[in-house]
Amino acid sequence: MAQSLNSLAVGALVKDTGTLYNGKPIIWKIADKGHTGYPSGAVTLITERIISLKCFDAIESGNSDGNRRSYGNNRWTLSNLRQWLNIPLSCKERVAHEPG
């Protein structure tokens, strides 16, 4: 039977068959509830297990900065990881790095 996230205890596991990664449902864990500054009733979820390992950013061979050319960008707003986290799940495996 479906329950609201707010009715579950911190640490409870939640399986939502509508959230898939590589074709498998993600198991979520309730990390916390009622954070200061968040809307009333907000619940923070984390995955129970690591579902993917991603680099923060890729090298930028066309960048004039030597460090970015060798190691990638260290700015969160320009990072590949930020891009990947903010696109729909259906597009996650198609993200291409765009040098900046």
PDB file of N, CA and C in Angstrom:
ATOM      1  N   MET A   1       0.847  -1.183   0.000  1.00  0.00           N
ATOM      2  CA  MET A   1       0.000   0.000   0.000  1.00  0.00           C
ATOM      3  C   MET A   1       0.891   1.244   0.000  1.00  0.00           C
ATOM      4  N   ALA A   2       0.549   2.214  -0.825  1.00  0.00           N
ATOM      5  CA  ALA A   2       1.320   3.454  -0.911  1.00  0.00           C
ATOM      6  C   ALA A   2       1.150   4.279   0.361  1.00  0.00           C
ATOM      7  N   GLN A   3       2.274   4.827   0.820  1.00  0.00           N
ATOM      8  CA  GLN A   3       2.267   5.707   1.993  1.00  0.00           C
ATOM      9  C   GLN A   3       2.945   7.015   1.614  1.00  0.00           C
ATOM     10  N   SER A   4       2.602   8.075   2.319  1.00  0.00           N
ATOM     11  CA  SER A   4       3.285   9.345   2.068  1.00  0.00           C
ATOM     12  C   SER A   4       4.681   9.278   2.672  1.00  0.00           C
ATOM     13  N   LEU A   5       5.624   9.990   2.063  1.00  0.00           N
ATOM     14  CA  LEU A   5       6.994  10.004   2.581  1.00  0.00           C
ATOM     15  C   LEU A   5       7.046  10.537   4.001  1.00  0.00           C
ATOM     16  N   ASN A   6       6.202  11.510   4.309  1.00  0.00           N
ATOM     17  CA  ASN A   6       6.195  12.093   5.653  1.00  0.00           C
ATOM     18  C   ASN A   6       5.803  11.093   6.732  1.00  0.00           C
ATOM     19  N   SER A   7       5.061  10.059   6.359  1.00  0.00           N
ATOM     20  CA  SER A   7       4.632   9.084   7.364  1.00  0.00           C
ATOM     21  C   SER A   7       5.716   8.044   7.664  1.00  0.00           C
ATOM     22  N   LEU A   8       6.775   8.032   6.870  1.00  0.00           N
ATOM     23  CA  LEU A   8       7.844   7.052   7.052  1.00  0.00           C
ATOM     24  C   LEU A   8       8.964   7.633   7.910  1.00  0.00           C
ATOM     25  N   ALA A   9       9.665   6.772   8.630  1.00  0.00           N
ATOM     26  CA  ALA A   9      10.747   7.207   9.518  1.00  0.00           C
ATOM     27  C   ALA A   9      12.015   7.502   8.722  1.00  0.00           C
ATOM     28  N   VAL A  10      12.863   8.369   9.271  1.00  0.00           N
ATOM     29  CA  VAL A  10      14.181   8.604   8.698  1.00  0.00           C
ATOM     30  C   VAL A  10      14.909   7.256   8.681  1.00  0.00           C
ATOM     31  N   GLY A  11      15.527   6.924   7.561  1.00  0.00           N
ATOM     32  CA  GLY A  11      16.203   5.644   7.395  1.00  0.00           C
ATOM     33  C   GLY A  11      15.371   4.617   6.640  1.00  0.00           C
ATOM     34  N   ALA A  12      14.066   4.864   6.499  1.00  0.00           N
ATOM     35  CA  ALA A  12      13.198   3.931   5.774  1.00  0.00           C
ATOM     36  C   ALA A  12      13.582   3.895   4.300  1.00  0.00           C
ATOM     37  N   LEU A  13      13.411   2.730   3.672  1.00  0.00           N
ATOM     38  CA  LEU A  13      13.697   2.570   2.253  1.00  0.00           C
ATOM     39  C   LEU A  13      12.415   2.713   1.449  1.00  0.00           C
ATOM     40  N   VAL A  14      12.548   3.351   0.291  1.00  0.00           N
ATOM     41  CA  VAL A  14      11.399   3.626  -0.566  1.00  0.00           C
ATOM     42  C   VAL A  14      11.730   3.155  -1.979  1.00  0.00           C
ATOM     43  N   LYS A  15      10.851   2.364  -2.556  1.00  0.00           N
ATOM     44  CA  LYS A  15      11.037   1.917  -3.936  1.00  0.00           C
ATOM     45  C   LYS A  15       9.943   2.541  -4.785  1.00  0.00           C
ATOM     46  N   ASP A  16      10.360   3.350  -5.737  1.00  0.00           N
ATOM     47  CA  ASP A  16       9.422   3.983  -6.659  1.00  0.00           C
ATOM     48  C   ASP A  16       9.679   3.395  -8.035  1.00  0.00           C
ATOM     49  N   THR A  17       8.781   2.563  -8.512  1.00  0.00           N
ATOM     50  CA  THR A  17       8.988   1.892  -9.796  1.00  0.00           C
ATOM     51  C   THR A  17       8.965   2.869 -10.971  1.00  0.00           C
ATOM     52  N   GLY A  18       8.601   4.122 -10.713  1.00  0.00           N
ATOM     53  CA  GLY A  18       8.608   5.143 -11.764  1.00  0.00           C
ATOM     54  C   GLY A  18       9.954   5.825 -11.921  1.00  0.00           C
ATOM     55  N   THR A  19      10.905   5.577 -11.017  1.00  0.00           N
ATOM     56  CA  THR A  19      12.234   6.159 -11.144  1.00  0.00           C
ATOM     57  C   THR A  19      13.217   5.037 -11.463  1.00  0.00           C
ATOM     58  N   LEU A  20      13.605   4.963 -12.731  1.00  0.00           N
ATOM     59  CA  LEU A  20      14.492   3.903 -13.185  1.00  0.00           C
ATOM     60  C   LEU A  20      15.856   4.481 -13.532  1.00  0.00           C
ATOM     61  N   TYR A  21      16.895   3.693 -13.292  1.00  0.00           N
ATOM     62  CA  TYR A  21      18.228   4.016 -13.772  1.00  0.00           C
ATOM     63  C   TYR A  21      18.786   2.742 -14.382  1.00  0.00           C
ATOM     64  N   ASN A  22      19.180   2.825 -15.645  1.00  0.00           N
ATOM     65  CA  ASN A  22      19.602   1.642 -16.407  1.00  0.00           C
ATOM     66  C   ASN A  22      18.541   0.545 -16.369  1.00  0.00           C
ATOM     67  N   GLY A  23      17.285   0.964 -16.435  1.00  0.00           N
ATOM     68  CA  GLY A  23      16.182   0.022 -16.501  1.00  0.00           C
ATOM     69  C   GLY A  23      15.757  -0.602 -15.192  1.00  0.00           C
ATOM     70  N   LYS A  24      16.394  -0.228 -14.083  1.00  0.00           N
ATOM     71  CA  LYS A  24      16.063  -0.813 -12.781  1.00  0.00           C
ATOM     72  C   LYS A  24      15.521   0.262 -11.844  1.00  0.00           C
ATOM     73  N   PRO A  25      14.525  -0.097 -11.015  1.00  0.00           N
ATOM     74  CA  PRO A  25      14.001   0.877 -10.051  1.00  0.00           C
ATOM     75  C   PRO A  25      15.093   1.310  -9.062  1.00  0.00           C
ATOM     76  N   ILE A  26      15.068   2.573  -8.689  1.00  0.00           N
ATOM     77  CA  ILE A  26      16.012   3.093  -7.699  1.00  0.00           C
ATOM     78  C   ILE A  26      15.406   2.902  -6.314  1.00  0.00           C
ATOM     79  N   ILE A  27      16.218   2.409  -5.386  1.00  0.00           N
ATOM     80  CA  ILE A  27      15.788   2.306  -3.995  1.00  0.00           C
ATOM     81  C   ILE A  27      16.302   3.560  -3.287  1.00  0.00           C
ATOM     82  N   TRP A  28      15.378   4.297  -2.706  1.00  0.00           N
ATOM     83  CA  TRP A  28      15.701   5.545  -2.019  1.00  0.00           C
ATOM     84  C   TRP A  28      15.680   5.322  -0.512  1.00  0.00           C
ATOM     85  N   LYS A  29      16.431   6.125   0.204  1.00  0.00           N
ATOM     86  CA  LYS A  29      16.455   6.099   1.662  1.00  0.00           C
ATOM     87  C   LYS A  29      16.067   7.486   2.151  1.00  0.00           C
ATOM     88  N   ILE A  30      15.199   7.546   3.146  1.00  0.00           N
ATOM     89  CA  ILE A  30      14.826   8.851   3.710  1.00  0.00           C
ATOM     90  C   ILE A  30      15.988   9.321   4.577  1.00  0.00           C
ATOM     91  N   ALA A  31      16.635  10.402   4.137  1.00  0.00           N
ATOM     92  CA  ALA A  31      17.826  10.915   4.818  1.00  0.00           C
ATOM     93  C   ALA A  31      17.453  11.841   5.974  1.00  0.00           C
ATOM     94  N   ASP A  32      16.430  12.652   5.774  1.00  0.00           N
ATOM     95  CA  ASP A  32      16.018  13.593   6.815  1.00  0.00           C
ATOM     96  C   ASP A  32      14.672  14.194   6.446  1.00  0.00           C
ATOM     97  N   LYS A  33      14.062  14.823   7.421  1.00  0.00           N
ATOM     98  CA  LYS A  33      12.782  15.499   7.204  1.00  0.00           C
ATOM     99  C   LYS A  33      12.796  16.803   7.999  1.00  0.00           C
ATOM    100  N   GLY A  34      12.054  17.778   7.529  1.00  0.00           N
ATOM    101  CA  GLY A  34      11.867  19.021   8.269  1.00  0.00           C
ATOM    102  C   GLY A  34      13.090  19.920   8.356  1.00  0.00           C
ATOM    103  N   HIS A  35      13.876  20.004   7.294  1.00  0.00           N
ATOM    104  CA  HIS A  35      15.033  20.901   7.292  1.00  0.00           C
ATOM    105  C   HIS A  35      14.599  22.352   7.465  1.00  0.00           C
ATOM    106  N   THR A  36      15.342  23.098   8.249  1.00  0.00           N
ATOM    107  CA  THR A  36      15.096  24.536   8.387  1.00  0.00           C
ATOM    108  C   THR A  36      15.277  25.199   7.028  1.00  0.00           C
ATOM    109  N   GLY A  37      14.351  26.060   6.670  1.00  0.00           N
ATOM    110  CA  GLY A  37      14.432  26.777   5.408  1.00  0.00           C
ATOM    111  C   GLY A  37      13.790  26.065   4.233  1.00  0.00           C
ATOM    112  N   TYR A  38      13.397  24.823   4.414  1.00  0.00           N
ATOM    113  CA  TYR A  38      12.716  24.080   3.355  1.00  0.00           C
ATOM    114  C   TYR A  38      11.211  24.194   3.563  1.00  0.00           C
ATOM    115  N   PRO A  39      10.431  23.954   2.517  1.00  0.00           N
ATOM    116  CA  PRO A  39       8.977  24.014   2.674  1.00  0.00           C
ATOM    117  C   PRO A  39       8.496  23.002   3.715  1.00  0.00           C
ATOM    118  N   SER A  40       7.403  23.314   4.338  1.00  0.00           N
ATOM    119  CA  SER A  40       6.809  22.411   5.315  1.00  0.00           C
ATOM    120  C   SER A  40       6.523  21.063   4.667  1.00  0.00           C
ATOM    121  N   GLY A  41       6.889  19.991   5.340  1.00  0.00           N
ATOM    122  CA  GLY A  41       6.633  18.650   4.828  1.00  0.00           C
ATOM    123  C   GLY A  41       7.699  18.132   3.869  1.00  0.00           C
ATOM    124  N   ALA A  42       8.774  18.909   3.648  1.00  0.00           N
ATOM    125  CA  ALA A  42       9.830  18.463   2.722  1.00  0.00           C
ATOM    126  C   ALA A  42      10.570  17.258   3.296  1.00  0.00           C
ATOM    127  N   VAL A  43      10.914  16.332   2.422  1.00  0.00           N
ATOM    128  CA  VAL A  43      11.637  15.117   2.799  1.00  0.00           C
ATOM    129  C   VAL A  43      12.859  15.010   1.886  1.00  0.00           C
ATOM    130  N   THR A  44      14.024  14.728   2.467  1.00  0.00           N
ATOM    131  CA  THR A  44      15.252  14.570   1.690  1.00  0.00           C
ATOM    132  C   THR A  44      15.513  13.085   1.465  1.00  0.00           C
ATOM    133  N   LEU A  45      15.698  12.720   0.198  1.00  0.00           N
ATOM    134  CA  LEU A  45      15.969  11.335  -0.177  1.00  0.00           C
ATOM    135  C   LEU A  45      17.392  11.208  -0.715  1.00  0.00           C
ATOM    136  N   ILE A  46      18.022  10.064  -0.463  1.00  0.00           N
ATOM    137  CA  ILE A  46      19.289   9.707  -1.079  1.00  0.00           C
ATOM    138  C   ILE A  46      19.134   8.286  -1.604  1.00  0.00           C
ATOM    139  N   THR A  47      19.963   7.907  -2.548  1.00  0.00           N
ATOM    140  CA  THR A  47      19.886   6.528  -3.025  1.00  0.00           C
ATOM    141  C   THR A  47      20.491   5.611  -1.967  1.00  0.00           C
ATOM    142  N   GLU A  48      19.945   4.406  -1.873  1.00  0.00           N
ATOM    143  CA  GLU A  48      20.461   3.450  -0.896  1.00  0.00           C
ATOM    144  C   GLU A  48      21.890   3.036  -1.250  1.00  0.00           C
ATOM    145  N   ARG A  49      22.160   2.904  -2.527  1.00  0.00           N
ATOM    146  CA  ARG A  49      23.484   2.496  -3.003  1.00  0.00           C
ATOM    147  C   ARG A  49      23.951   3.479  -4.086  1.00  0.00           C
ATOM    148  N   ILE A  50      25.234   3.493  -4.333  1.00  0.00           N
ATOM    149  CA  ILE A  50      25.766   4.295  -5.435  1.00  0.00           C
ATOM    150  C   ILE A  50      25.182   3.733  -6.726  1.00  0.00           C
ATOM    151  N   ILE A  51      24.620   4.599  -7.562  1.00  0.00           N
ATOM    152  CA  ILE A  51      24.043   4.117  -8.815  1.00  0.00           C
ATOM    153  C   ILE A  51      24.914   4.453 -10.013  1.00  0.00           C
ATOM    154  N   SER A  52      25.859   5.374  -9.833  1.00  0.00           N
ATOM    155  CA  SER A  52      26.723   5.739 -10.940  1.00  0.00           C
ATOM    156  C   SER A  52      27.920   6.524 -10.414  1.00  0.00           C
ATOM    157  N   LEU A  53      29.053   6.376 -11.071  1.00  0.00           N
ATOM    158  CA  LEU A  53      30.235   7.168 -10.755  1.00  0.00           C
ATOM    159  C   LEU A  53      30.463   8.118 -11.920  1.00  0.00           C
ATOM    160  N   LYS A  54      30.553   9.390 -11.644  1.00  0.00           N
ATOM    161  CA  LYS A  54      30.736  10.399 -12.684  1.00  0.00           C
ATOM    162  C   LYS A  54      31.877  11.333 -12.298  1.00  0.00           C
ATOM    163  N   CYS A  55      32.619  11.762 -13.300  1.00  0.00           N
ATOM    164  CA  CYS A  55      33.661  12.769 -13.086  1.00  0.00           C
ATOM    165  C   CYS A  55      33.005  14.125 -12.873  1.00  0.00           C
ATOM    166  N   PHE A  56      33.679  14.991 -12.131  1.00  0.00           N
ATOM    167  CA  PHE A  56      33.174  16.345 -11.928  1.00  0.00           C
ATOM    168  C   PHE A  56      33.121  17.080 -13.259  1.00  0.00           C
ATOM    169  N   ASP A  57      34.180  16.968 -14.048  1.00  0.00           N
ATOM    170  CA  ASP A  57      34.223  17.621 -15.349  1.00  0.00           C
ATOM    171  C   ASP A  57      35.244  16.915 -16.230  1.00  0.00           C
ATOM    172  N   ALA A  58      35.096  17.055 -17.524  1.00  0.00           N
ATOM    173  CA  ALA A  58      36.022  16.453 -18.493  1.00  0.00           C
ATOM    174  C   ALA A  58      37.076  17.476 -18.900  1.00  0.00           C
ATOM    175  N   ILE A  59      38.172  16.973 -19.476  1.00  0.00           N
ATOM    176  CA  ILE A  59      39.198  17.898 -19.956  1.00  0.00           C
ATOM    177  C   ILE A  59      38.616  18.756 -21.072  1.00  0.00           C
ATOM    178  N   GLU A  60      39.153  19.941 -21.229  1.00  0.00           N
ATOM    179  CA  GLU A  60      38.679  20.887 -22.236  1.00  0.00           C
ATOM    180  C   GLU A  60      39.836  21.206 -23.170  1.00  0.00           C
ATOM    181  N   SER A  61      40.037  20.373 -24.165  1.00  0.00           N
ATOM    182  CA  SER A  61      41.201  20.495 -25.043  1.00  0.00           C
ATOM    183  C   SER A  61      41.285  21.838 -25.769  1.00  0.00           C
ATOM    184  N   GLY A  62      40.160  22.495 -25.971  1.00  0.00           N
ATOM    185  CA  GLY A  62      40.163  23.779 -26.672  1.00  0.00           C
ATOM    186  C   GLY A  62      40.263  24.991 -25.765  1.00  0.00           C
ATOM    187  N   ASN A  63      40.402  24.794 -24.454  1.00  0.00           N
ATOM    188  CA  ASN A  63      40.434  25.911 -23.508  1.00  0.00           C
ATOM    189  C   ASN A  63      41.838  26.508 -23.451  1.00  0.00           C
ATOM    190  N   SER A  64      41.924  27.847 -23.371  1.00  0.00           N
ATOM    191  CA  SER A  64      43.227  28.520 -23.317  1.00  0.00           C
ATOM    192  C   SER A  64      43.897  28.360 -21.947  1.00  0.00           C
ATOM    193  N   ASP A  65      43.133  28.027 -20.908  1.00  0.00           N
ATOM    194  CA  ASP A  65      43.690  27.803 -19.574  1.00  0.00           C
ATOM    195  C   ASP A  65      44.292  26.400 -19.514  1.00  0.00           C
ATOM    196  N   GLY A  66      45.599  26.313 -19.198  1.00  0.00           N
ATOM    197  CA  GLY A  66      46.304  25.038 -19.188  1.00  0.00           C
ATOM    198  C   GLY A  66      45.720  24.010 -18.243  1.00  0.00           C
ATOM    199  N   ASN A  67      45.290  24.447 -17.044  1.00  0.00           N
ATOM    200  CA  ASN A  67      44.702  23.504 -16.084  1.00  0.00           C
ATOM    201  C   ASN A  67      43.381  22.940 -16.595  1.00  0.00           C
ATOM    202  N   ARG A  68      42.562  23.795 -17.185  1.00  0.00           N
ATOM    203  CA  ARG A  68      41.279  23.309 -17.715  1.00  0.00           C
ATOM    204  C   ARG A  68      41.487  22.410 -18.922  1.00  0.00           C
ATOM    205  N   ARG A  69      42.525  22.702 -19.687  1.00  0.00           N
ATOM    206  CA  ARG A  69      42.854  21.863 -20.828  1.00  0.00           C
ATOM    207  C   ARG A  69      43.276  20.461 -20.353  1.00  0.00           C
ATOM    208  N   SER A  70      43.989  20.412 -19.211  1.00  0.00           N
ATOM    209  CA  SER A  70      44.491  19.129 -18.698  1.00  0.00           C
ATOM    210  C   SER A  70      43.537  18.417 -17.759  1.00  0.00           C
ATOM    211  N   TYR A  71      42.783  19.188 -16.959  1.00  0.00           N
ATOM    212  CA  TYR A  71      41.994  18.578 -15.874  1.00  0.00           C
ATOM    213  C   TYR A  71      40.499  18.857 -15.936  1.00  0.00           C
ATOM    214  N   GLY A  72      40.062  19.778 -16.770  1.00  0.00           N
ATOM    215  CA  GLY A  72      38.657  20.161 -16.798  1.00  0.00           C
ATOM    216  C   GLY A  72      38.411  21.394 -15.950  1.00  0.00           C
ATOM    217  N   ASN A  73      37.169  21.791 -15.870  1.00  0.00           N
ATOM    218  CA  ASN A  73      36.783  23.008 -15.175  1.00  0.00           C
ATOM    219  C   ASN A  73      36.423  22.710 -13.730  1.00  0.00           C
ATOM    220  N   ASN A  74      36.853  23.554 -12.799  1.00  0.00           N
ATOM    221  CA  ASN A  74      36.516  23.343 -11.391  1.00  0.00           C
ATOM    222  C   ASN A  74      35.358  24.218 -10.930  1.00  0.00           C
ATOM    223  N   ARG A  75      34.678  24.883 -11.846  1.00  0.00           N
ATOM    224  CA  ARG A  75      33.518  25.710 -11.501  1.00  0.00           C
ATOM    225  C   ARG A  75      32.246  24.868 -11.590  1.00  0.00           C
ATOM    226  N   TRP A  76      31.524  24.808 -10.476  1.00  0.00           N
ATOM    227  CA  TRP A  76      30.302  24.010 -10.403  1.00  0.00           C
ATOM    228  C   TRP A  76      29.319  24.383 -11.498  1.00  0.00           C
ATOM    229  N   THR A  77      29.149  25.680 -11.749  1.00  0.00           N
ATOM    230  CA  THR A  77      28.145  26.118 -12.730  1.00  0.00           C
ATOM    231  C   THR A  77      28.451  25.642 -14.137  1.00  0.00           C
ATOM    232  N   LEU A  78      29.711  25.295 -14.429  1.00  0.00           N
ATOM    233  CA  LEU A  78      30.103  24.846 -15.763  1.00  0.00           C
ATOM    234  C   LEU A  78      30.427  23.356 -15.824  1.00  0.00           C
ATOM    235  N   SER A  79      30.255  22.647 -14.722  1.00  0.00           N
ATOM    236  CA  SER A  79      30.693  21.254 -14.646  1.00  0.00           C
ATOM    237  C   SER A  79      29.758  20.290 -15.376  1.00  0.00           C
ATOM    238  N   ASN A  80      30.356  19.203 -15.879  1.00  0.00           N
ATOM    239  CA  ASN A  80      29.570  18.135 -16.496  1.00  0.00           C
ATOM    240  C   ASN A  80      28.637  17.480 -15.484  1.00  0.00           C
ATOM    241  N   LEU A  81      29.099  17.340 -14.248  1.00  0.00           N
ATOM    242  CA  LEU A  81      28.273  16.713 -13.219  1.00  0.00           C
ATOM    243  C   LEU A  81      26.988  17.509 -12.990  1.00  0.00           C
ATOM    244  N   ARG A  82      27.100  18.828 -12.928  1.00  0.00           N
ATOM    245  CA  ARG A  82      25.908  19.675 -12.747  1.00  0.00           C
ATOM    246  C   ARG A  82      24.959  19.511 -13.935  1.00  0.00           C
ATOM    247  N   GLN A  83      25.512  19.489 -15.139  1.00  0.00           N
ATOM    248  CA  GLN A  83      24.688  19.268 -16.328  1.00  0.00           C
ATOM    249  C   GLN A  83      23.921  17.959 -16.206  1.00  0.00           C
ATOM    250  N   TRP A  84      24.645  16.900 -15.861  1.00  0.00           N
ATOM    251  CA  TRP A  84      24.061  15.569 -15.793  1.00  0.00           C
ATOM    252  C   TRP A  84      22.957  15.493 -14.742  1.00  0.00           C
ATOM    253  N   LEU A  85      23.170  16.136 -13.593  1.00  0.00           N
ATOM    254  CA  LEU A  85      22.181  16.087 -12.525  1.00  0.00           C
ATOM    255  C   LEU A  85      20.911  16.868 -12.853  1.00  0.00           C
ATOM    256  N   ASN A  86      20.985  17.794 -13.791  1.00  0.00           N
ATOM    257  CA  ASN A  86      19.855  18.675 -14.063  1.00  0.00           C
ATOM    258  C   ASN A  86      19.159  18.417 -15.387  1.00  0.00           C
ATOM    259  N   ILE A  87      19.339  17.246 -15.956  1.00  0.00           N
ATOM    260  CA  ILE A  87      18.606  16.892 -17.172  1.00  0.00           C
ATOM    261  C   ILE A  87      17.662  15.742 -16.863  1.00  0.00           C
ATOM    262  N   PRO A  88      16.644  15.543 -17.693  1.00  0.00           N
ATOM    263  CA  PRO A  88      15.709  14.432 -17.454  1.00  0.00           C
ATOM    264  C   PRO A  88      16.428  13.086 -17.472  1.00  0.00           C
ATOM    265  N   LEU A  89      15.946  12.154 -16.684  1.00  0.00           N
ATOM    266  CA  LEU A  89      16.540  10.815 -16.606  1.00  0.00           C
ATOM    267  C   LEU A  89      16.669  10.166 -17.981  1.00  0.00           C
ATOM    268  N   SER A  90      15.717  10.416 -18.867  1.00  0.00           N
ATOM    269  CA  SER A  90      15.737   9.769 -20.177  1.00  0.00           C
ATOM    270  C   SER A  90      16.914  10.229 -21.032  1.00  0.00           C
ATOM    271  N   CYS A  91      17.545  11.343 -20.673  1.00  0.00           N
ATOM    272  CA  CYS A  91      18.650  11.887 -21.466  1.00  0.00           C
ATOM    273  C   CYS A  91      20.005  11.680 -20.813  1.00  0.00           C
ATOM    274  N   LYS A  92      20.072  11.127 -19.615  1.00  0.00           N
ATOM    275  CA  LYS A  92      21.301  11.096 -18.818  1.00  0.00           C
ATOM    276  C   LYS A  92      22.514  10.511 -19.549  1.00  0.00           C
ATOM    277  N   GLU A  93      22.351   9.489 -20.331  1.00  0.00           N
ATOM    278  CA  GLU A  93      23.497   8.848 -20.964  1.00  0.00           C
ATOM    279  C   GLU A  93      23.954   9.562 -22.236  1.00  0.00           C
ATOM    280  N   ARG A  94      23.263  10.632 -22.640  1.00  0.00           N
ATOM    281  CA  ARG A  94      23.618  11.310 -23.886  1.00  0.00           C
ATOM    282  C   ARG A  94      24.320  12.637 -23.679  1.00  0.00           C
ATOM    283  N   VAL A  95      24.648  12.999 -22.441  1.00  0.00           N
ATOM    284  CA  VAL A  95      25.256  14.303 -22.193  1.00  0.00           C
ATOM    285  C   VAL A  95      26.648  14.346 -22.823  1.00  0.00           C
ATOM    286  N   ALA A  96      26.889  15.362 -23.583  1.00  0.00           N
ATOM    287  CA  ALA A  96      28.208  15.564 -24.197  1.00  0.00           C
ATOM    288  C   ALA A  96      28.836  16.800 -23.573  1.00  0.00           C
ATOM    289  N   HIS A  97      30.119  16.752 -23.376  1.00  0.00           N
ATOM    290  CA  HIS A  97      30.831  17.897 -22.809  1.00  0.00           C
ATOM    291  C   HIS A  97      30.999  18.983 -23.859  1.00  0.00           C
ATOM    292  N   GLU A  98      30.670  20.202 -23.478  1.00  0.00           N
ATOM    293  CA  GLU A  98      30.858  21.341 -24.369  1.00  0.00           C
ATOM    294  C   GLU A  98      31.897  22.253 -23.750  1.00  0.00           C
ATOM    295  N   PRO A  99      33.102  22.344 -24.343  1.00  0.00           N
ATOM    296  CA  PRO A  99      34.148  23.207 -23.775  1.00  0.00           C
ATOM    297  C   PRO A  99      33.656  24.642 -23.639  1.00  0.00           C
ATOM    298  N   GLY A 100      34.103  25.292 -22.591  1.00  0.00           N
ATOM    299  CA  GLY A 100      33.638  26.658 -22.384  1.00  0.00           C
ATOM    300  C   GLY A 100      34.702  27.619 -22.041  1.00  0.00           C
TER     301      GLY A 100
END
